[in-house]
Amino acid sequence: MKNSISIIIAFIASFISFEASAQTADSLKTATIKVANLHCNNDMPTIKKQLQNQEGIEEIAFTEINGDKSVFTISYHTSAINQEQIEKAIEATPGCDDSASRPYKVKKETNRKKKNQ
């Protein structure tokens, strides 16, 4: 009887530790984020520098300004940061000309655009 109880307890303990490790599993994801309200070529490096200060960011690339927008491609570790936090960090970045301003805006896709793809 004691052996079967010990086996059950060991099984439950291993299951709980497996669940805990699954919740903290890390994967490398890539987000493509459109950023608007850019006015000069210094804006993208300013945003990149802000993102490099965030824990979990692996790699950052961006396109040249097209109109007032640029596309950032960001690789990040899911155990440390998520896309929503990255977007908030972008929008919290001080402007390159005025450190009191927060001019950058993440452009989210509308449901209509998502359906057409």
Protein backbone atom coordinates (compact mmCIF):
# COMPACT_ATOMS: atom_id res chain seq x y z
CA MET A 1 0.00 0.00 0.00
CA LYS A 2 2.80 2.39 0.93
CA ASN A 3 4.55 1.63 -2.37
CA SER A 4 1.48 2.50 -4.44
CA ILE A 5 0.98 5.74 -2.53
CA SER A 6 4.65 6.61 -3.07
CA ILE A 7 4.31 5.88 -6.78
CA ILE A 8 1.20 8.06 -7.04
CA ILE A 9 2.89 10.92 -5.16
CA ALA A 10 6.00 10.64 -7.37
CA PHE A 11 3.83 10.67 -10.51
CA ILE A 12 1.90 13.75 -9.35
CA ALA A 13 5.14 15.55 -8.40
CA SER A 14 6.70 14.84 -11.81
CA PHE A 15 3.54 16.02 -13.57
CA ILE A 16 3.51 19.28 -11.58
CA SER A 17 7.20 19.94 -12.34
CA PHE A 18 6.56 19.21 -16.05
CA GLU A 19 3.69 21.72 -16.08
CA ALA A 20 5.85 24.36 -14.38
CA SER A 21 8.67 23.90 -16.88
CA ALA A 22 6.23 24.04 -19.81
CA GLN A 23 4.94 27.40 -18.60
CA THR A 24 8.43 28.91 -18.54
CA ALA A 25 9.49 27.40 -21.88
CA ASP A 26 11.26 29.87 -24.08
CA SER A 27 10.94 30.21 -27.80
CA LEU A 28 12.32 32.72 -30.24
CA LYS A 29 9.59 34.59 -32.11
CA THR A 30 9.71 37.26 -34.76
CA ALA A 31 7.31 40.20 -34.89
CA THR A 32 6.82 42.51 -37.84
CA ILE A 33 5.63 45.88 -36.55
CA LYS A 34 4.72 48.94 -38.60
CA VAL A 35 5.65 52.18 -36.90
CA ALA A 36 4.22 55.53 -37.99
CA ASN A 37 4.90 59.19 -37.27
CA LEU A 38 8.56 59.02 -38.28
CA HIS A 39 10.02 62.27 -39.54
CA CYS A 40 13.74 61.74 -40.11
CA ASN A 41 16.35 59.03 -40.58
CA ASN A 42 17.31 59.24 -36.89
CA ASP A 43 13.90 57.97 -35.73
CA MET A 44 14.51 54.30 -36.56
CA PRO A 45 17.89 54.08 -34.74
CA THR A 46 16.29 55.85 -31.76
CA ILE A 47 13.55 53.20 -31.60
CA LYS A 48 16.10 50.42 -32.14
CA LYS A 49 18.19 51.69 -29.21
CA GLN A 50 15.07 51.74 -26.98
CA LEU A 51 14.27 48.15 -27.96
CA GLN A 52 17.83 46.96 -27.38
CA ASN A 53 17.42 48.04 -23.75
CA GLN A 54 14.47 45.63 -23.34
CA GLU A 55 15.22 42.22 -21.86
CA GLY A 56 14.58 39.37 -24.28
CA ILE A 57 15.15 41.26 -27.54
CA GLU A 58 17.47 39.24 -29.78
CA GLU A 59 17.63 41.11 -33.09
CA ILE A 60 16.15 44.26 -34.64
CA ALA A 61 16.00 45.31 -38.28
CA PHE A 62 14.06 48.13 -39.93
CA THR A 63 13.23 49.45 -43.38
CA GLU A 64 13.85 52.93 -44.70
CA ILE A 65 11.10 55.50 -44.11
CA ASN A 66 8.26 55.20 -46.60
CA GLY A 67 6.05 58.27 -46.16
CA ASP A 68 6.11 58.53 -42.38
CA LYS A 69 6.31 54.77 -41.71
CA SER A 70 8.92 52.06 -41.27
CA VAL A 71 8.63 48.33 -40.69
CA PHE A 72 10.56 46.81 -37.80
CA THR A 73 11.35 43.11 -37.70
CA ILE A 74 12.11 42.07 -34.13
CA SER A 75 13.23 38.67 -32.85
CA TYR A 76 12.53 38.14 -29.17
CA HIS A 77 12.45 35.51 -26.44
CA THR A 78 8.92 34.73 -25.30
CA SER A 79 10.04 33.93 -21.77
CA ALA A 80 11.19 37.54 -21.28
CA ILE A 81 8.92 39.77 -23.41
CA ASN A 82 5.86 39.63 -25.67
CA GLN A 83 4.73 41.60 -28.71
CA GLU A 84 2.41 43.84 -26.71
CA GLN A 85 5.30 44.88 -24.44
CA ILE A 86 7.47 45.54 -27.49
CA GLU A 87 4.77 47.75 -29.02
CA LYS A 88 4.43 49.67 -25.74
CA ALA A 89 8.21 50.17 -25.62
CA ILE A 90 8.14 51.59 -29.16
CA GLU A 91 5.36 54.03 -28.29
CA ALA A 92 7.18 55.02 -25.07
CA THR A 93 10.33 55.94 -27.01
CA PRO A 94 11.20 59.64 -26.72
CA GLY A 95 11.38 61.55 -29.99
CA CYS A 96 14.88 61.99 -31.40
CA ASP A 97 14.41 65.80 -31.54
CA ASP A 98 12.38 66.27 -28.35
CA SER A 99 12.94 63.88 -25.46
CA ALA A 100 9.68 65.01 -23.83
CA SER A 101 7.57 63.83 -26.79
CA ARG A 102 6.40 60.30 -27.53
CA PRO A 103 5.63 60.62 -31.26
CA TYR A 104 5.91 57.03 -32.49
CA LYS A 105 2.75 55.01 -33.07
CA VAL A 106 2.39 51.32 -33.82
CA LYS A 107 0.08 50.72 -36.77
CA LYS A 108 -2.14 47.73 -36.11
CA GLU A 109 -3.72 45.78 -38.93
CA THR A 110 -7.46 46.00 -39.15
CA ASN A 111 -9.61 42.87 -39.24
CA ARG A 112 -10.51 43.68 -42.85
CA LYS A 113 -6.85 43.57 -43.94
CA LYS A 114 -6.27 40.32 -42.04
CA LYS A 115 -9.25 38.65 -43.76
CA ASN A 116 -8.00 39.64 -47.23
CA GLN A 117 -4.64 37.91 -46.74
